[in-house]
Amino acid sequence: MRKLNLVQVGLGFWGQDWAEEILPNAAEVEVVGYVDPAPEALAALQRRIGVPAERCFASLAEALAATGAEAVLGTLRTAHHFPVVREALLADRHVIVEKPFTPTLEEAAELVRLAEARGLLLMVSQNYRFYPASIAAAELVAGRTLGRPLAVAIDFRRYAPGEGYRYYDIPDPLLADMSIHHFDLMRMVLGLEPVEVSCRTWNPPESPFTAHPGGAATIEFEQGVVVSYRASWLSRGPATPWGGEWAMDFAEGAATWACRGSKGARLASERLAIQRLDGPVEPRELVMFPEHDRAGTIAAFARAVLSGTVPPRFSSGRDNVGSLALVEACRLSAARGGCAVQLDELLPPGFGGREGGER
């Protein structure tokens, strides 16, 4: 079976994790080059996983010229996504990039249009889409097992200082770095787009964060579905799974589910149960497939490039603009003291609703 030849760009903490934990086990990918402008990052990679020096490069241009790779994986800090992805697309390479996609919606839209104009695949690694419970929840909604969805309540609680969290200085540690996962899951699971958002965020006096690590939002989706979302990076209470705890009301019953456990036991938190009106709680058996989390995103990307067929729930760049817009709407609402923000205020031309996005 032919493998996808790929160059990885960005070897900071998270990039090293990709290189060490994910890519060696990606059966459909062959990493032919690693890129980072910092010599110490390349040296660390060589020590940790034995990468030959001839496969390490200081620039993307050097790596592509030397390897002829078909695709690029971007694992840099968000501030550097736009120039690297743009360079890769202009070199006619398919791209998968870590979330958040780009710092701004305008940059995201520009990259999507560039990829489409050149016939290239552009994917954002929204890894929470690749879990048994989140996929089962999306299928539950799509199949109308309990009728149409009415309302959703989501709670996310973790204590960052105890998690080894190291990004205390980034501009938006909750909404842009963490909640983007939950916002993206809302869109995937409901199969609907957000219409209006009201959001407040806060930062306690004893917080190690520069920006706000706590927030709450009310999000109205198409068809009148309302999502109540509460999240905290400084919760002292019982921690939720990383995907949050979901309670969903339907016309004919209710469902609860959660996904993504802690490192070393990522599938341990997978659960989904339904309850029909006046009926008992019915736990659902989930299919525990091996390619979950980031292994799922890189496998989906490789298969899409190699086969030319985009699978269901694929987080294309165009689709991901909707999730990025939800982040921006929450940030804008919080800046306005919680005043409602219409998503149409923010979406770039040609990106409204589900137009052109894979579902």
Protein backbone atom coordinates (compact mmCIF):
# COMPACT_ATOMS: atom_id res chain seq x y z
CA MET A 1 0.00 0.00 0.00
CA ARG A 2 1.39 3.40 -0.97
CA LYS A 3 2.06 5.80 1.90
CA LEU A 4 1.68 9.57 1.92
CA ASN A 5 5.08 11.29 2.02
CA LEU A 6 4.88 14.14 4.50
CA VAL A 7 7.04 16.88 6.03
CA GLN A 8 6.38 18.04 9.59
CA VAL A 9 6.91 21.72 10.38
CA GLY A 10 7.23 22.89 14.01
CA LEU A 11 9.08 20.95 16.70
CA GLY A 12 8.23 22.73 19.91
CA PHE A 13 6.66 20.86 22.83
CA TRP A 14 3.55 19.77 20.89
CA GLY A 15 5.44 19.16 17.66
CA GLN A 16 7.88 16.85 19.47
CA ASP A 17 4.87 15.00 20.89
CA TRP A 18 3.46 14.53 17.38
CA ALA A 19 6.84 13.30 16.13
CA GLU A 20 7.37 10.88 19.01
CA GLU A 21 3.87 9.63 19.87
CA ILE A 22 1.68 9.90 16.76
CA LEU A 23 3.61 9.83 13.49
CA PRO A 24 5.69 6.65 14.10
CA ASN A 25 2.42 4.71 14.40
CA ALA A 26 0.66 6.33 11.42
CA ALA A 27 0.51 3.37 9.05
CA GLU A 28 -0.46 5.41 5.98
CA VAL A 29 2.14 8.17 6.40
CA GLU A 30 5.87 8.28 5.77
CA VAL A 31 7.57 11.30 7.38
CA VAL A 32 10.41 12.22 5.04
CA GLY A 33 11.46 15.49 6.65
CA TYR A 34 11.28 17.60 9.81
CA VAL A 35 11.47 21.40 9.83
CA ASP A 36 12.25 23.91 12.57
CA PRO A 37 14.36 27.08 12.41
CA ALA A 38 15.77 26.34 15.89
CA PRO A 39 18.81 24.00 15.73
CA GLU A 40 18.19 22.89 19.32
CA ALA A 41 14.70 21.65 18.40
CA LEU A 42 16.09 19.53 15.56
CA ALA A 43 18.87 18.24 17.83
CA ALA A 44 16.31 17.27 20.48
CA LEU A 45 14.31 15.36 17.88
CA GLN A 46 17.40 13.49 16.73
CA ARG A 47 18.20 12.49 20.33
CA ARG A 48 14.65 11.47 21.22
CA ILE A 49 13.65 9.36 18.24
CA GLY A 50 16.84 8.89 16.24
CA VAL A 51 15.93 10.96 13.20
CA PRO A 52 18.91 11.17 10.80
CA ALA A 53 20.40 14.65 10.42
CA GLU A 54 19.82 14.57 6.66
CA ARG A 55 16.06 14.51 7.25
CA CYS A 56 16.15 17.69 9.35
CA PHE A 57 15.81 21.14 7.78
CA ALA A 58 15.81 24.78 8.86
CA SER A 59 13.12 25.82 6.35
CA LEU A 60 10.10 24.34 4.61
CA ALA A 61 11.49 25.30 1.20
CA GLU A 62 14.65 23.26 1.85
CA ALA A 63 12.65 20.27 3.05
CA LEU A 64 10.30 20.23 0.06
CA ALA A 65 13.16 20.61 -2.42
CA ALA A 66 15.14 17.79 -0.83
CA THR A 67 12.31 15.32 -0.20
CA GLY A 68 9.63 15.99 -2.81
CA ALA A 69 7.00 15.40 -0.10
CA GLU A 70 3.35 15.50 -1.20
CA ALA A 71 2.01 16.98 2.02
CA VAL A 72 2.84 19.15 5.02
CA LEU A 73 1.84 18.79 8.67
CA GLY A 74 1.92 22.07 10.62
CA THR A 75 2.44 21.69 14.37
CA LEU A 76 3.52 25.24 15.16
CA ARG A 77 2.08 27.84 17.45
CA THR A 78 -1.08 29.36 15.98
CA ALA A 79 0.61 32.69 15.25
CA HIS A 80 2.80 30.95 12.65
CA HIS A 81 0.11 28.85 10.94
CA PHE A 82 -0.81 31.31 8.20
CA PRO A 83 2.62 31.88 6.59
CA VAL A 84 3.61 28.21 6.76
CA VAL A 85 0.32 26.88 5.39
CA ARG A 86 0.34 29.52 2.65
CA GLU A 87 3.90 28.61 1.66
CA ALA A 88 2.97 24.92 1.50
CA LEU A 89 -0.13 25.57 -0.61
CA LEU A 90 1.78 27.83 -3.00
CA ALA A 91 4.23 24.94 -3.39
CA ASP A 92 1.24 22.75 -4.38
CA ARG A 93 1.32 20.58 -1.26
CA HIS A 94 -1.70 19.25 0.63
CA VAL A 95 -1.78 20.49 4.23
CA ILE A 96 -3.00 19.37 7.64
CA VAL A 97 -2.52 21.92 10.41
CA GLU A 98 -3.09 21.87 14.16
CA LYS A 99 -5.99 23.76 15.67
CA PRO A 100 -6.73 26.64 16.07
CA PHE A 101 -6.63 27.04 12.30
CA THR A 102 -5.35 30.66 12.12
CA PRO A 103 -5.36 33.73 14.38
CA THR A 104 -8.04 35.46 12.27
CA LEU A 105 -11.03 34.53 10.13
CA GLU A 106 -9.67 36.58 7.25
CA GLU A 107 -6.46 34.54 7.19
CA ALA A 108 -8.43 31.28 7.38
CA ALA A 109 -10.66 32.33 4.48
CA GLU A 110 -7.63 33.31 2.38
CA LEU A 111 -6.02 29.89 2.92
CA VAL A 112 -9.25 28.05 2.10
CA ARG A 113 -9.67 29.98 -1.13
CA LEU A 114 -6.03 29.37 -2.06
CA ALA A 115 -6.33 25.61 -1.44
CA GLU A 116 -9.54 25.40 -3.46
CA ALA A 117 -8.11 27.42 -6.34
CA ARG A 118 -5.13 25.05 -6.57
CA GLY A 119 -7.16 21.85 -6.06
CA LEU A 120 -5.41 20.98 -2.79
CA LEU A 121 -6.67 19.37 0.39
CA LEU A 122 -6.52 21.56 3.51
CA MET A 123 -7.49 19.98 6.84
CA VAL A 124 -7.51 21.24 10.44
CA SER A 125 -6.66 18.60 13.04
CA GLN A 126 -9.81 18.71 15.18
CA ASN A 127 -8.92 15.51 17.01
CA TYR A 128 -12.00 15.34 19.27
CA ARG A 129 -14.05 14.44 16.17
CA PHE A 130 -12.27 11.09 16.17
CA TYR A 131 -13.68 9.47 19.30
CA PRO A 132 -16.29 6.72 19.63
CA ALA A 133 -18.72 8.75 21.78
CA SER A 134 -18.62 11.94 19.70
CA ILE A 135 -19.19 9.97 16.48
CA ALA A 136 -22.00 7.96 18.10
CA ALA A 137 -23.63 11.18 19.35
CA ALA A 138 -23.49 12.68 15.85
CA GLU A 139 -25.07 9.53 14.42
CA LEU A 140 -27.74 9.62 17.13
CA VAL A 141 -28.71 13.15 16.08
CA ALA A 142 -28.50 12.50 12.35
CA GLY A 143 -30.60 9.35 12.63
CA ARG A 144 -33.28 11.14 14.70
CA THR A 145 -33.24 8.24 17.17
CA LEU A 146 -34.84 10.50 19.78
CA GLY A 147 -36.41 12.99 17.41
CA ARG A 148 -35.05 16.44 16.76
CA PRO A 149 -32.59 18.04 19.21
CA LEU A 150 -33.96 20.82 21.43
CA ALA A 151 -31.22 21.92 23.84
CA VAL A 152 -27.73 20.95 25.00
CA ALA A 153 -25.81 21.60 28.23
CA ILE A 154 -22.01 21.14 28.27
CA ASP A 155 -19.61 21.39 31.21
CA PHE A 156 -15.81 21.39 31.00
CA ARG A 157 -13.77 21.44 34.23
CA ARG A 158 -10.00 20.96 34.55
CA TYR A 159 -7.33 22.39 36.85
CA ALA A 160 -4.53 23.60 34.55
CA PRO A 161 -1.76 23.85 37.18
CA GLY A 162 -2.18 20.14 37.88
CA GLU A 163 -2.28 19.17 34.19
CA GLY A 164 1.22 20.24 33.19
CA TYR A 165 -0.33 23.12 31.24
CA ARG A 166 2.35 25.50 29.93
CA TYR A 167 0.57 28.16 27.85
CA TYR A 168 -0.32 30.66 30.56
CA ASP A 169 0.76 33.59 28.39
CA ILE A 170 -1.26 32.92 25.21
CA PRO A 171 -3.93 35.54 24.36
CA ASP A 172 -6.97 33.28 24.82
CA PRO A 173 -6.26 30.03 26.69
CA LEU A 174 -9.93 29.07 27.11
CA LEU A 175 -11.95 30.04 24.05
CA ALA A 176 -9.29 29.77 21.34
CA ASP A 177 -7.04 27.04 22.71
CA MET A 178 -9.48 24.74 24.57
CA SER A 179 -13.09 25.62 23.80
CA ILE A 180 -12.42 25.40 20.06
CA HIS A 181 -12.62 21.62 20.59
CA HIS A 182 -16.06 21.88 22.17
CA PHE A 183 -17.34 24.44 19.67
CA ASP A 184 -16.22 22.21 16.81
CA LEU A 185 -17.96 19.21 18.41
CA MET A 186 -21.18 21.22 18.77
CA ARG A 187 -21.25 21.81 15.02
CA MET A 188 -20.27 18.23 14.17
CA VAL A 189 -22.70 16.53 16.55
CA LEU A 190 -25.70 18.77 15.86
CA GLY A 191 -25.08 19.05 12.12
CA LEU A 192 -26.18 22.68 12.49
CA GLU A 193 -24.52 26.08 12.41
CA PRO A 194 -24.51 28.68 15.24
CA VAL A 195 -26.59 31.81 14.72
CA GLU A 196 -26.12 33.96 17.86
CA VAL A 197 -23.82 33.94 20.89
CA SER A 198 -23.75 35.58 24.32
CA CYS A 199 -20.58 34.98 26.35
CA ARG A 200 -18.83 36.15 29.53
CA THR A 201 -15.29 35.23 30.59
CA TRP A 202 -13.25 35.87 33.75
CA ASN A 203 -9.85 35.49 35.41
CA PRO A 204 -9.66 35.00 39.22
CA PRO A 205 -7.10 37.12 41.13
CA GLU A 206 -4.95 34.08 42.06
CA SER A 207 -4.84 32.80 38.47
CA PRO A 208 -1.50 32.02 36.76
CA PHE A 209 -3.11 32.92 33.41
CA THR A 210 -2.51 36.25 31.70
CA ALA A 211 -5.89 36.05 29.92
CA HIS A 212 -9.25 34.60 30.95
CA PRO A 213 -9.37 30.85 31.78
CA GLY A 214 -13.08 30.68 32.68
CA GLY A 215 -16.22 31.36 30.69
CA ALA A 216 -19.89 30.68 30.04
CA ALA A 217 -21.85 31.04 26.82
CA THR A 218 -25.36 30.67 25.50
CA ILE A 219 -25.29 29.70 21.84
CA GLU A 220 -28.32 29.55 19.58
CA PHE A 221 -28.00 27.23 16.61
CA GLU A 222 -30.15 26.83 13.53
CA GLN A 223 -33.63 25.35 14.10
CA GLY A 224 -33.77 27.01 17.53
CA VAL A 225 -31.42 24.58 19.29
CA VAL A 226 -29.83 26.29 22.31
CA VAL A 227 -26.50 25.22 23.83
CA SER A 228 -25.51 26.22 27.37
CA TYR A 229 -21.74 26.01 27.78
CA ARG A 230 -19.65 26.39 30.96
CA ALA A 231 -15.89 25.93 31.05
CA SER A 232 -13.01 26.46 33.45
CA TRP A 233 -9.28 25.85 33.39
CA LEU A 234 -9.13 26.50 37.15
CA SER A 235 -11.87 24.23 38.50
CA ARG A 236 -11.13 22.66 41.88
CA GLY A 237 -14.10 20.31 41.48
CA PRO A 238 -14.28 16.87 39.86
CA ALA A 239 -12.58 16.99 36.49
CA THR A 240 -14.61 16.24 33.39
CA PRO A 241 -13.21 14.29 30.44
CA TRP A 242 -11.45 16.57 27.96
CA GLY A 243 -14.42 16.53 25.62
CA GLY A 244 -16.65 17.79 28.43
CA GLU A 245 -19.84 16.30 29.84
CA TRP A 246 -22.84 16.60 27.50
CA ALA A 247 -26.56 16.46 28.34
CA MET A 248 -28.83 16.65 25.30
CA ASP A 249 -32.59 17.09 25.23
CA PHE A 250 -34.59 15.77 22.27
CA ALA A 251 -38.25 15.81 21.33
CA GLU A 252 -38.54 12.17 22.34
CA GLY A 253 -36.01 11.76 25.14
CA ALA A 254 -32.52 12.66 26.30
CA ALA A 255 -28.91 11.58 25.92
CA THR A 256 -25.73 12.01 27.96
CA TRP A 257 -22.22 11.39 26.75
CA ALA A 258 -18.54 12.20 27.25
CA CYS A 259 -15.31 11.59 25.35
CA ARG A 260 -11.51 11.76 25.52
CA GLY A 261 -9.92 10.57 28.71
CA SER A 262 -6.52 11.55 30.05
CA LYS A 263 -3.21 10.66 28.44
CA GLY A 264 -2.48 6.95 28.63
CA ALA A 265 -6.18 6.09 28.81
CA ARG A 266 -7.76 8.20 26.08
CA LEU A 267 -10.68 5.81 25.51
CA ALA A 268 -11.46 5.24 29.20
CA SER A 269 -14.03 8.07 29.39
CA GLU A 270 -16.08 7.08 26.34
CA ARG A 271 -19.74 6.70 27.21
CA LEU A 272 -23.16 7.41 25.76
CA ALA A 273 -26.59 6.67 27.22
CA ILE A 274 -30.08 7.49 26.03
CA GLN A 275 -33.41 7.73 27.84
CA ARG A 276 -36.67 7.74 25.93
CA LEU A 277 -39.59 9.64 27.48
CA ASP A 278 -40.70 7.79 30.65
CA GLY A 279 -38.23 5.00 29.85
CA PRO A 280 -35.11 3.61 31.55
CA VAL A 281 -31.57 4.83 30.92
CA GLU A 282 -30.05 2.73 28.14
CA PRO A 283 -26.21 2.69 27.93
CA ARG A 284 -25.05 2.33 24.34
CA GLU A 285 -22.21 0.05 23.33
CA LEU A 286 -19.51 2.02 21.52
CA VAL A 287 -17.08 0.82 18.87
CA MET A 288 -13.59 1.39 20.30
CA PHE A 289 -11.69 1.88 17.04
CA PRO A 290 -7.88 2.17 17.30
CA GLU A 291 -7.32 5.29 15.18
CA HIS A 292 -8.70 7.86 17.59
CA ASP A 293 -7.60 11.38 18.52
CA ARG A 294 -4.68 12.70 16.44
CA ALA A 295 -4.08 9.24 14.99
CA GLY A 296 -7.58 9.58 13.57
CA THR A 297 -6.96 12.98 12.03
CA ILE A 298 -3.71 12.01 10.32
CA ALA A 299 -5.24 8.75 9.04
CA ALA A 300 -8.28 10.59 7.64
CA PHE A 301 -6.02 13.14 5.98
CA ALA A 302 -3.77 10.51 4.40
CA ARG A 303 -6.73 8.50 3.10
CA ALA A 304 -8.40 11.58 1.67
CA VAL A 305 -5.24 12.63 -0.18
CA LEU A 306 -4.43 9.13 -1.45
CA SER A 307 -7.98 8.19 -2.44
CA GLY A 308 -9.32 11.57 -3.50
CA THR A 309 -12.43 10.90 -1.37
CA VAL A 310 -13.25 13.05 1.66
CA PRO A 311 -14.81 11.01 4.51
CA PRO A 312 -17.80 12.07 6.68
CA ARG A 313 -17.11 14.57 9.49
CA PHE A 314 -13.82 15.56 7.82
CA SER A 315 -12.61 18.88 9.26
CA SER A 316 -11.68 20.66 6.07
CA GLY A 317 -10.38 24.20 6.23
CA ARG A 318 -13.68 25.47 4.83
CA ASP A 319 -15.70 23.57 7.43
CA ASN A 320 -13.41 24.72 10.23
CA VAL A 321 -14.06 28.39 9.47
CA GLY A 322 -17.44 27.81 11.15
CA SER A 323 -15.76 26.63 14.36
CA LEU A 324 -13.24 29.47 14.28
CA ALA A 325 -16.09 31.95 13.77
CA LEU A 326 -17.79 30.61 16.91
CA VAL A 327 -14.61 31.26 18.88
CA GLU A 328 -14.44 34.81 17.51
CA ALA A 329 -18.12 35.45 18.25
CA CYS A 330 -17.63 34.38 21.87
CA ARG A 331 -14.55 36.58 22.21
CA LEU A 332 -16.38 39.55 20.75
CA SER A 333 -19.41 39.00 22.98
CA ALA A 334 -17.17 38.77 26.06
CA ALA A 335 -15.43 42.00 25.03
CA ARG A 336 -18.87 43.64 24.80
CA GLY A 337 -19.79 42.54 28.31
CA GLY A 338 -21.90 39.58 27.19
CA CYS A 339 -23.97 41.35 24.53
CA ALA A 340 -25.32 39.05 21.83
CA VAL A 341 -23.25 38.65 18.65
CA GLN A 342 -24.67 37.42 15.37
CA LEU A 343 -22.42 34.99 13.50
CA ASP A 344 -23.26 36.78 10.26
CA GLU A 345 -21.33 39.77 11.65
CA LEU A 346 -18.12 37.78 11.42
CA LEU A 347 -18.27 35.16 8.69
CA PRO A 348 -16.24 36.06 5.58
CA PRO A 349 -18.14 36.33 2.28
CA GLY A 350 -18.94 32.89 0.89
CA PHE A 351 -18.70 31.11 4.25
CA GLY A 352 -22.24 31.46 5.61
CA GLY A 353 -24.13 28.43 6.96
CA ARG A 354 -22.97 25.06 5.63
CA GLU A 355 -22.27 26.39 2.15
CA GLY A 356 -19.47 24.40 0.57
CA GLY A 357 -18.47 22.67 3.83
CA GLU A 358 -18.14 18.89 4.17
CA ARG A 359 -20.34 17.40 6.86
